[in-house]
Amino acid sequence: MLVATGPVGPGPTPVSGRGSLHLRAKVTLGHKVAARDIATGERIMKYGAPIGSATAEIAAGEHVHVDNIKSDYTPTYALDATAGGDS
């Protein structure tokens, strides 16, 4: 998993110590990008800590976000309530 240190992509993007990676879309500061292909159900790690699981296959260079991962720790209804959404 890679974490953007500023706005990057789409297209070939330099990756520190790894050459470059083709980003499929623009991502902004703090957002995650798959450094390699990720299988459905695979645990997602950020800064060495597990943050959830992939709900679909995620290709290398793809944005990793709420549309393709789920929290294994905080139920969705709790996230909706804290965001001011309907519960």
C-alpha atoms as a PDB file:
ATOM      1  CA  MET A   1       0.000   0.000   0.000  1.00  0.00           C
ATOM      2  CA  LEU A   2       1.254   3.451  -0.877  1.00  0.00           C
ATOM      3  CA  VAL A   3       0.040   6.695   0.673  1.00  0.00           C
ATOM      4  CA  ALA A   4       0.032   9.892  -1.384  1.00  0.00           C
ATOM      5  CA  THR A   5       2.128  12.734   0.055  1.00  0.00           C
ATOM      6  CA  GLY A   6       0.319  15.222  -2.168  1.00  0.00           C
ATOM      7  CA  PRO A   7      -1.855  15.277  -5.299  1.00  0.00           C
ATOM      8  CA  VAL A   8      -0.604  12.654  -7.802  1.00  0.00           C
ATOM      9  CA  GLY A   9      -1.718  10.882 -10.986  1.00  0.00           C
ATOM     10  CA  PRO A  10      -3.215   9.826 -13.179  1.00  0.00           C
ATOM     11  CA  GLY A  11      -0.490   8.197 -15.249  1.00  0.00           C
ATOM     12  CA  PRO A  12       3.112   7.238 -14.532  1.00  0.00           C
ATOM     13  CA  THR A  13       4.020   8.470 -11.057  1.00  0.00           C
ATOM     14  CA  PRO A  14       7.423   8.271  -9.331  1.00  0.00           C
ATOM     15  CA  VAL A  15       7.444   6.072  -6.231  1.00  0.00           C
ATOM     16  CA  SER A  16      10.266   6.544  -3.731  1.00  0.00           C
ATOM     17  CA  GLY A  17      12.643   3.601  -3.903  1.00  0.00           C
ATOM     18  CA  ARG A  18      10.492   1.700  -6.424  1.00  0.00           C
ATOM     19  CA  GLY A  19      10.735   3.503  -9.758  1.00  0.00           C
ATOM     20  CA  SER A  20       7.256   4.439 -10.922  1.00  0.00           C
ATOM     21  CA  LEU A  21       3.694   3.152 -10.857  1.00  0.00           C
ATOM     22  CA  HIS A  22       0.888   3.880 -13.333  1.00  0.00           C
ATOM     23  CA  LEU A  23      -1.905   5.505 -11.291  1.00  0.00           C
ATOM     24  CA  ARG A  24      -5.357   4.950 -12.724  1.00  0.00           C
ATOM     25  CA  ALA A  25      -6.837   8.163 -11.268  1.00  0.00           C
ATOM     26  CA  LYS A  26      -5.809  11.316  -9.435  1.00  0.00           C
ATOM     27  CA  VAL A  27      -5.470  10.893  -5.670  1.00  0.00           C
ATOM     28  CA  THR A  28      -4.843  13.516  -3.028  1.00  0.00           C
ATOM     29  CA  LEU A  29      -2.823  13.838   0.167  1.00  0.00           C
ATOM     30  CA  GLY A  30      -3.216  10.870   2.519  1.00  0.00           C
ATOM     31  CA  HIS A  31      -5.152   8.678   0.104  1.00  0.00           C
ATOM     32  CA  LYS A  32      -4.089   5.096  -0.516  1.00  0.00           C
ATOM     33  CA  VAL A  33      -3.000   3.457  -3.784  1.00  0.00           C
ATOM     34  CA  ALA A  34      -2.416  -0.252  -4.335  1.00  0.00           C
ATOM     35  CA  ALA A  35       1.305  -0.921  -4.892  1.00  0.00           C
ATOM     36  CA  ARG A  36       0.394  -4.394  -6.211  1.00  0.00           C
ATOM     37  CA  ASP A  37      -2.728  -6.329  -7.106  1.00  0.00           C
ATOM     38  CA  ILE A  38      -4.902  -6.994  -4.031  1.00  0.00           C
ATOM     39  CA  ALA A  39      -7.344  -9.925  -3.867  1.00  0.00           C
ATOM     40  CA  THR A  40     -10.929  -9.703  -2.606  1.00  0.00           C
ATOM     41  CA  GLY A  41     -10.930 -10.319   1.148  1.00  0.00           C
ATOM     42  CA  GLU A  42      -7.254  -9.461   1.593  1.00  0.00           C
ATOM     43  CA  ARG A  43      -6.410  -7.366   4.649  1.00  0.00           C
ATOM     44  CA  ILE A  44      -5.555  -3.727   3.871  1.00  0.00           C
ATOM     45  CA  MET A  45      -2.673  -2.213   5.823  1.00  0.00           C
ATOM     46  CA  LYS A  46      -1.835   1.494   6.250  1.00  0.00           C
ATOM     47  CA  TYR A  47       1.333   2.529   8.078  1.00  0.00           C
ATOM     48  CA  GLY A  48       1.752  -1.112   9.181  1.00  0.00           C
ATOM     49  CA  ALA A  49      -1.663  -1.337  10.847  1.00  0.00           C
ATOM     50  CA  PRO A  50      -4.692  -3.231   9.483  1.00  0.00           C
ATOM     51  CA  ILE A  51      -7.537  -0.888   8.501  1.00  0.00           C
ATOM     52  CA  GLY A  52      -9.953  -3.248   6.756  1.00  0.00           C
ATOM     53  CA  SER A  53     -10.425  -5.753   3.952  1.00  0.00           C
ATOM     54  CA  ALA A  54     -10.786  -5.500   0.189  1.00  0.00           C
ATOM     55  CA  THR A  55     -14.395  -5.910  -0.971  1.00  0.00           C
ATOM     56  CA  ALA A  56     -13.295  -6.369  -4.595  1.00  0.00           C
ATOM     57  CA  GLU A  57     -10.110  -7.069  -6.503  1.00  0.00           C
ATOM     58  CA  ILE A  58      -7.930  -3.954  -6.565  1.00  0.00           C
ATOM     59  CA  ALA A  59      -5.377  -3.552  -9.347  1.00  0.00           C
ATOM     60  CA  ALA A  60      -1.919  -2.084  -8.818  1.00  0.00           C
ATOM     61  CA  GLY A  61      -2.151   1.704  -9.221  1.00  0.00           C
ATOM     62  CA  GLU A  62      -5.840   1.826  -8.260  1.00  0.00           C
ATOM     63  CA  HIS A  63      -7.209   4.156  -5.560  1.00  0.00           C
ATOM     64  CA  VAL A  64      -7.964   2.202  -2.375  1.00  0.00           C
ATOM     65  CA  HIS A  65     -10.982   3.788  -0.722  1.00  0.00           C
ATOM     66  CA  VAL A  66     -14.467   3.149   0.689  1.00  0.00           C
ATOM     67  CA  ASP A  67     -15.749   1.850  -2.657  1.00  0.00           C
ATOM     68  CA  ASN A  68     -13.365  -1.154  -2.578  1.00  0.00           C
ATOM     69  CA  ILE A  69     -12.571  -1.733   1.107  1.00  0.00           C
ATOM     70  CA  LYS A  70     -14.596  -2.124   4.290  1.00  0.00           C
ATOM     71  CA  SER A  71     -13.606  -1.538   7.870  1.00  0.00           C
ATOM     72  CA  ASP A  72     -13.239  -4.719   9.882  1.00  0.00           C
ATOM     73  CA  TYR A  73     -13.429  -2.665  13.056  1.00  0.00           C
ATOM     74  CA  THR A  74     -16.107   0.040  12.804  1.00  0.00           C
ATOM     75  CA  PRO A  75     -19.601  -0.892  11.569  1.00  0.00           C
ATOM     76  CA  THR A  76     -20.833   1.196   8.640  1.00  0.00           C
ATOM     77  CA  TYR A  77     -23.836   2.447  10.624  1.00  0.00           C
ATOM     78  CA  ALA A  78     -21.449   3.979  13.187  1.00  0.00           C
ATOM     79  CA  LEU A  79     -19.499   5.738  10.439  1.00  0.00           C
ATOM     80  CA  ASP A  80     -22.738   7.107   8.952  1.00  0.00           C
ATOM     81  CA  ALA A  81     -23.828   8.462  12.339  1.00  0.00           C
ATOM     82  CA  THR A  82     -20.552  10.277  12.950  1.00  0.00           C
ATOM     83  CA  ALA A  83     -20.631  11.761   9.447  1.00  0.00           C
ATOM     84  CA  GLY A  84     -24.086  13.212  10.061  1.00  0.00           C
ATOM     85  CA  GLY A  85     -25.795  10.761   7.717  1.00  0.00           C
ATOM     86  CA  ASP A  86     -29.108   9.088   8.284  1.00  0.00           C
ATOM     87  CA  SER A  87     -29.036   6.018  10.474  1.00  0.00           C
END
